[in-house]
Amino acid sequence: MIDTQLLSKIRCIQDYPKEGILFRDITTLLQDGESFASLIDALKERYLEMNIDFVVGLESRGFVFGAPLAYALGVGFVPIRKKGKLPFLKVSKSYALEYGEDEMEIHQDAFKNQNGSRVVLIDDLIATGGTAWAALELIEEIGGECVEACFLLDLVDLGGSSRLKTKTKVHSIFEV
């Protein structure tokens, strides 16, 4: 069970990176070893019985939570990266940003070419859900099955988790 005190470990910064944005800074949670460990332990407990084959982390803060979770579960970690960052054969997906478009990639053999690999997708937060949606499409395209998408923070008013729930289960530690 996640202690609600963990939420107090996340620093809020007004007007960053631009005016009108309330930025959720997870570095203060990461600095607290006991809090970070209890978060990873709770996630391990949640996913231990789900027969997960891989943890997939979204660049870059999803790596921070995904890699230790994969280690704790004894499964592989798969990064989804921004375009041009992966060195081998890859699959790409474009997604919309507030102003423009971006692209993410995953290695074609990320799940060791095993169709039906059960994965959990993880990132620090979900806002509008565009990035997570594209990640789910990449996972499916290379033969994976996303058992659940997990986020530390769900910015509920932006609707991303509601949209994502039409494609997979969604688990958020905190809704803000």
Protein backbone atom coordinates (compact mmCIF):
# COMPACT_ATOMS: atom_id res chain seq x y z
CA MET A 1 0.00 0.00 0.00
CA ILE A 2 1.30 3.44 -0.93
CA ASP A 3 1.59 5.96 1.87
CA THR A 4 -0.06 9.26 0.93
CA GLN A 5 2.97 10.96 2.51
CA LEU A 6 4.84 10.12 -0.71
CA LEU A 7 2.82 12.78 -2.50
CA SER A 8 4.26 15.40 -0.15
CA LYS A 9 7.74 14.39 -1.36
CA ILE A 10 6.96 15.73 -4.86
CA ARG A 11 7.86 19.39 -5.25
CA CYS A 12 5.50 21.66 -7.21
CA ILE A 13 7.02 24.50 -9.20
CA GLN A 14 4.71 27.22 -10.48
CA ASP A 15 5.15 28.61 -14.02
CA TYR A 16 7.68 26.03 -15.19
CA PRO A 17 8.59 25.39 -17.97
CA LYS A 18 6.24 28.20 -18.98
CA GLU A 19 3.70 30.49 -17.39
CA GLY A 20 0.53 28.80 -16.21
CA ILE A 21 2.08 25.34 -15.78
CA LEU A 22 2.41 23.70 -12.37
CA PHE A 23 5.40 21.37 -12.80
CA ARG A 24 5.59 18.23 -10.64
CA ASP A 25 9.25 17.70 -9.75
CA ILE A 26 9.88 14.06 -8.80
CA THR A 27 13.56 14.61 -7.96
CA THR A 28 12.65 15.41 -4.35
CA LEU A 29 10.94 12.01 -4.02
CA LEU A 30 13.95 10.30 -5.60
CA GLN A 31 16.29 12.02 -3.13
CA ASP A 32 14.49 10.34 -0.23
CA GLY A 33 15.82 6.78 -0.30
CA GLU A 34 13.19 5.42 2.08
CA SER A 35 10.31 6.91 0.08
CA PHE A 36 11.72 5.79 -3.25
CA ALA A 37 12.26 2.26 -1.92
CA SER A 38 8.74 2.06 -0.50
CA LEU A 39 7.32 3.14 -3.87
CA ILE A 40 9.24 0.46 -5.77
CA ASP A 41 8.33 -2.14 -3.12
CA ALA A 42 4.64 -1.28 -3.44
CA LEU A 43 4.80 -1.51 -7.24
CA LYS A 44 6.60 -4.85 -6.98
CA GLU A 45 3.83 -6.11 -4.71
CA ARG A 46 1.20 -4.96 -7.23
CA TYR A 47 2.80 -6.63 -10.25
CA LEU A 48 4.37 -9.73 -8.71
CA GLU A 49 1.37 -11.99 -9.37
CA MET A 50 0.54 -10.61 -12.83
CA ASN A 51 3.15 -12.72 -14.66
CA ILE A 52 4.86 -9.72 -16.21
CA ASP A 53 7.58 -10.49 -18.77
CA PHE A 54 8.90 -6.93 -19.23
CA VAL A 55 8.62 -3.47 -17.74
CA VAL A 56 8.50 -0.77 -20.43
CA GLY A 57 9.62 2.72 -19.44
CA LEU A 58 8.95 5.92 -21.34
CA GLU A 59 11.86 8.30 -21.87
CA SER A 60 13.10 9.54 -19.59
CA ARG A 61 11.44 9.60 -16.20
CA GLY A 62 9.78 6.25 -16.88
CA PHE A 63 13.31 4.81 -16.86
CA VAL A 64 13.78 6.01 -13.27
CA PHE A 65 10.84 3.93 -12.05
CA GLY A 66 10.85 1.19 -14.67
CA ALA A 67 14.40 -0.10 -14.29
CA PRO A 68 14.26 -0.66 -10.52
CA LEU A 69 10.79 -2.18 -10.84
CA ALA A 70 12.04 -4.61 -13.51
CA TYR A 71 14.95 -5.51 -11.24
CA ALA A 72 12.62 -6.04 -8.27
CA LEU A 73 10.38 -8.30 -10.38
CA GLY A 74 13.32 -10.16 -11.94
CA VAL A 75 12.19 -9.31 -15.50
CA GLY A 76 13.63 -7.38 -18.41
CA PHE A 77 13.44 -3.62 -18.86
CA VAL A 78 12.57 -2.11 -22.26
CA PRO A 79 13.05 1.59 -22.99
CA ILE A 80 10.86 3.53 -25.39
CA ARG A 81 13.03 6.39 -26.59
CA LYS A 82 12.74 9.57 -28.59
CA LYS A 83 13.51 9.30 -32.28
CA GLY A 84 17.15 8.70 -33.14
CA LYS A 85 18.26 7.34 -29.75
CA LEU A 86 18.03 3.58 -30.37
CA PRO A 87 20.85 1.96 -32.37
CA PHE A 88 19.21 -1.18 -33.80
CA LEU A 89 16.18 -2.02 -35.97
CA LYS A 90 13.22 -0.18 -34.55
CA VAL A 91 9.55 0.68 -34.93
CA SER A 92 8.45 4.32 -34.73
CA LYS A 93 5.25 6.10 -33.82
CA SER A 94 4.40 9.79 -34.13
CA TYR A 95 2.23 11.53 -31.58
CA ALA A 96 0.78 15.00 -31.15
CA LEU A 97 2.19 17.58 -28.80
CA GLU A 98 0.57 20.83 -27.70
CA TYR A 99 2.45 22.57 -30.53
CA GLY A 100 3.55 20.11 -33.18
CA GLU A 101 4.49 16.47 -33.23
CA ASP A 102 7.17 14.15 -31.89
CA GLU A 103 8.18 10.55 -32.46
CA MET A 104 9.13 7.60 -30.24
CA GLU A 105 10.83 4.32 -31.02
CA ILE A 106 11.20 0.81 -29.65
CA HIS A 107 13.55 -1.94 -30.82
CA GLN A 108 11.78 -4.50 -33.00
CA ASP A 109 13.18 -7.33 -30.87
CA ALA A 110 12.59 -5.63 -27.50
CA PHE A 111 10.45 -8.56 -26.31
CA LYS A 112 12.93 -11.11 -27.70
CA ASN A 113 10.56 -11.67 -30.64
CA GLN A 114 8.07 -13.42 -28.34
CA ASN A 115 4.50 -12.55 -29.30
CA GLY A 116 2.17 -12.11 -26.36
CA SER A 117 4.81 -10.86 -23.94
CA ARG A 118 3.02 -9.40 -20.93
CA VAL A 119 4.26 -5.92 -20.12
CA VAL A 120 3.56 -3.08 -17.75
CA LEU A 121 4.12 0.42 -19.14
CA ILE A 122 5.40 2.97 -16.62
CA ASP A 123 6.00 6.71 -16.55
CA ASP A 124 6.07 9.44 -13.96
CA LEU A 125 2.81 11.10 -14.99
CA ILE A 126 -0.04 11.07 -17.45
CA ALA A 127 -1.46 14.32 -18.74
CA THR A 128 -3.27 14.25 -22.10
CA GLY A 129 -2.13 10.69 -22.76
CA GLY A 130 -0.68 11.17 -26.25
CA THR A 131 2.73 9.79 -25.39
CA ALA A 132 1.33 6.81 -23.51
CA TRP A 133 -1.14 6.05 -26.33
CA ALA A 134 1.70 6.00 -28.88
CA ALA A 135 3.72 3.76 -26.53
CA LEU A 136 0.83 1.28 -26.32
CA GLU A 137 0.66 1.17 -30.10
CA LEU A 138 4.40 0.46 -30.27
CA ILE A 139 4.08 -2.32 -27.70
CA GLU A 140 1.25 -3.92 -29.67
CA GLU A 141 3.06 -3.51 -32.99
CA ILE A 142 5.98 -5.65 -31.84
CA GLY A 143 3.74 -8.30 -30.33
CA GLY A 144 3.42 -7.25 -26.70
CA GLU A 145 0.34 -7.15 -24.50
CA CYS A 146 0.16 -4.21 -22.10
CA VAL A 147 -1.35 -5.65 -18.93
CA GLU A 148 -1.46 -2.22 -17.31
CA ALA A 149 -0.14 1.32 -17.72
CA CYS A 150 1.18 2.72 -14.44
CA PHE A 151 1.81 6.34 -13.52
CA LEU A 152 2.99 8.00 -10.34
CA LEU A 153 0.75 11.01 -11.03
CA ASP A 154 -2.45 11.33 -13.01
CA LEU A 155 -3.34 14.89 -13.98
CA VAL A 156 -7.01 13.91 -14.08
CA ASP A 157 -8.36 17.17 -15.53
CA LEU A 158 -6.32 16.65 -18.71
CA GLY A 159 -8.14 13.38 -19.47
CA GLY A 160 -5.25 11.17 -20.51
CA SER A 161 -6.03 8.28 -18.19
CA SER A 162 -9.69 8.19 -19.27
CA ARG A 163 -8.60 7.98 -22.89
CA LEU A 164 -6.01 5.30 -22.14
CA LYS A 165 -8.55 3.14 -20.30
CA THR A 166 -10.19 2.42 -23.64
CA LYS A 167 -7.02 0.53 -24.59
CA THR A 168 -5.63 -0.96 -21.33
CA LYS A 169 -5.98 -0.93 -17.57
CA VAL A 170 -4.53 2.18 -15.93
CA HIS A 171 -3.11 2.44 -12.42
CA SER A 172 -2.15 5.79 -10.94
CA ILE A 173 -0.51 6.12 -7.55
CA PHE A 174 -1.88 9.64 -7.06
CA GLU A 175 -4.55 11.64 -8.85
CA VAL A 176 -3.97 15.38 -8.80
